[in-house]
Amino acid sequence: ESETLDQDLISSSSEDEEEAEETKNEKSIPNGNAQHSSKTAELCVNIVRQCQRLLRVLYYCQQNYT
């Protein structure tokens, strides 16, 4: 079980790098109303992903240190 969590954590860190690159690329695009709403939706998705990653880390720590 902890091995799959390790793999999830490793894969999620590579996802972070990809998301960071996507964010850099998006910043170079001028903002329009349609792009603004999609960025807002993307921001919510990013927050959800960060929370999910945090929960995985906390679960992993709980399993290993209790």
Protein backbone atom coordinates (compact mmCIF):
# COMPACT_ATOMS: atom_id res chain seq x y z
CA GLU A 1 0.00 0.00 0.00
CA SER A 2 2.75 2.46 0.92
CA GLU A 3 4.53 1.65 -2.34
CA THR A 4 1.56 2.87 -4.36
CA LEU A 5 1.43 6.01 -2.26
CA ASP A 6 5.13 6.57 -2.93
CA GLN A 7 4.48 6.22 -6.64
CA ASP A 8 1.52 8.59 -6.40
CA LEU A 9 3.67 11.14 -4.62
CA ILE A 10 6.42 10.80 -7.20
CA SER A 11 3.98 11.09 -10.09
CA SER A 12 2.21 14.04 -8.49
CA SER A 13 5.51 15.91 -8.16
CA SER A 14 6.11 15.46 -11.88
CA GLU A 15 2.56 16.70 -12.46
CA ASP A 16 3.45 19.79 -10.44
CA GLU A 17 6.35 20.50 -12.79
CA GLU A 18 4.10 20.07 -15.81
CA GLU A 19 1.46 22.36 -14.29
CA ALA A 20 4.12 24.98 -13.53
CA GLU A 21 5.24 24.90 -17.17
CA GLU A 22 1.64 25.20 -18.36
CA THR A 23 1.10 28.16 -16.04
CA LYS A 24 4.18 29.92 -17.43
CA ASN A 25 2.94 29.36 -20.98
CA GLU A 26 -0.53 30.66 -20.13
CA LYS A 27 0.83 33.87 -18.61
CA SER A 28 2.24 34.88 -21.99
CA ILE A 29 -1.27 34.78 -23.53
CA PRO A 30 -3.20 38.06 -23.27
CA ASN A 31 -6.23 37.86 -20.99
CA GLY A 32 -9.71 37.86 -22.46
CA ASN A 33 -13.03 37.19 -20.74
CA ALA A 34 -13.20 33.58 -21.96
CA GLN A 35 -9.61 32.97 -20.94
CA HIS A 36 -10.21 34.57 -17.56
CA SER A 37 -13.10 32.24 -16.75
CA SER A 38 -11.10 29.19 -17.86
CA LYS A 39 -8.19 30.35 -15.68
CA THR A 40 -10.56 30.67 -12.73
CA ALA A 41 -11.83 27.13 -13.31
CA GLU A 42 -8.24 25.91 -13.70
CA LEU A 43 -7.27 27.60 -10.44
CA CYS A 44 -10.05 25.72 -8.63
CA VAL A 45 -8.89 22.45 -10.18
CA ASN A 46 -5.30 23.18 -9.11
CA ILE A 47 -6.45 23.86 -5.54
CA VAL A 48 -8.37 20.57 -5.48
CA ARG A 49 -5.32 18.69 -6.79
CA GLN A 50 -3.11 20.30 -4.15
CA CYS A 51 -5.55 19.27 -1.42
CA GLN A 52 -5.67 15.72 -2.75
CA ARG A 53 -1.87 15.54 -2.77
CA LEU A 54 -1.72 16.90 0.75
CA LEU A 55 -4.22 14.29 1.93
CA ARG A 56 -2.14 11.54 0.30
CA VAL A 57 0.99 12.79 2.05
CA LEU A 58 -0.77 13.00 5.40
CA TYR A 59 -2.25 9.52 4.96
CA TYR A 60 1.17 8.15 4.02
CA CYS A 61 2.75 9.77 7.09
CA GLN A 62 -0.01 8.49 9.35
CA GLN A 63 0.44 4.92 8.09
CA ASN A 64 4.20 4.98 8.56
CA TYR A 65 4.47 6.81 11.87
CA THR A 66 1.59 5.40 13.93
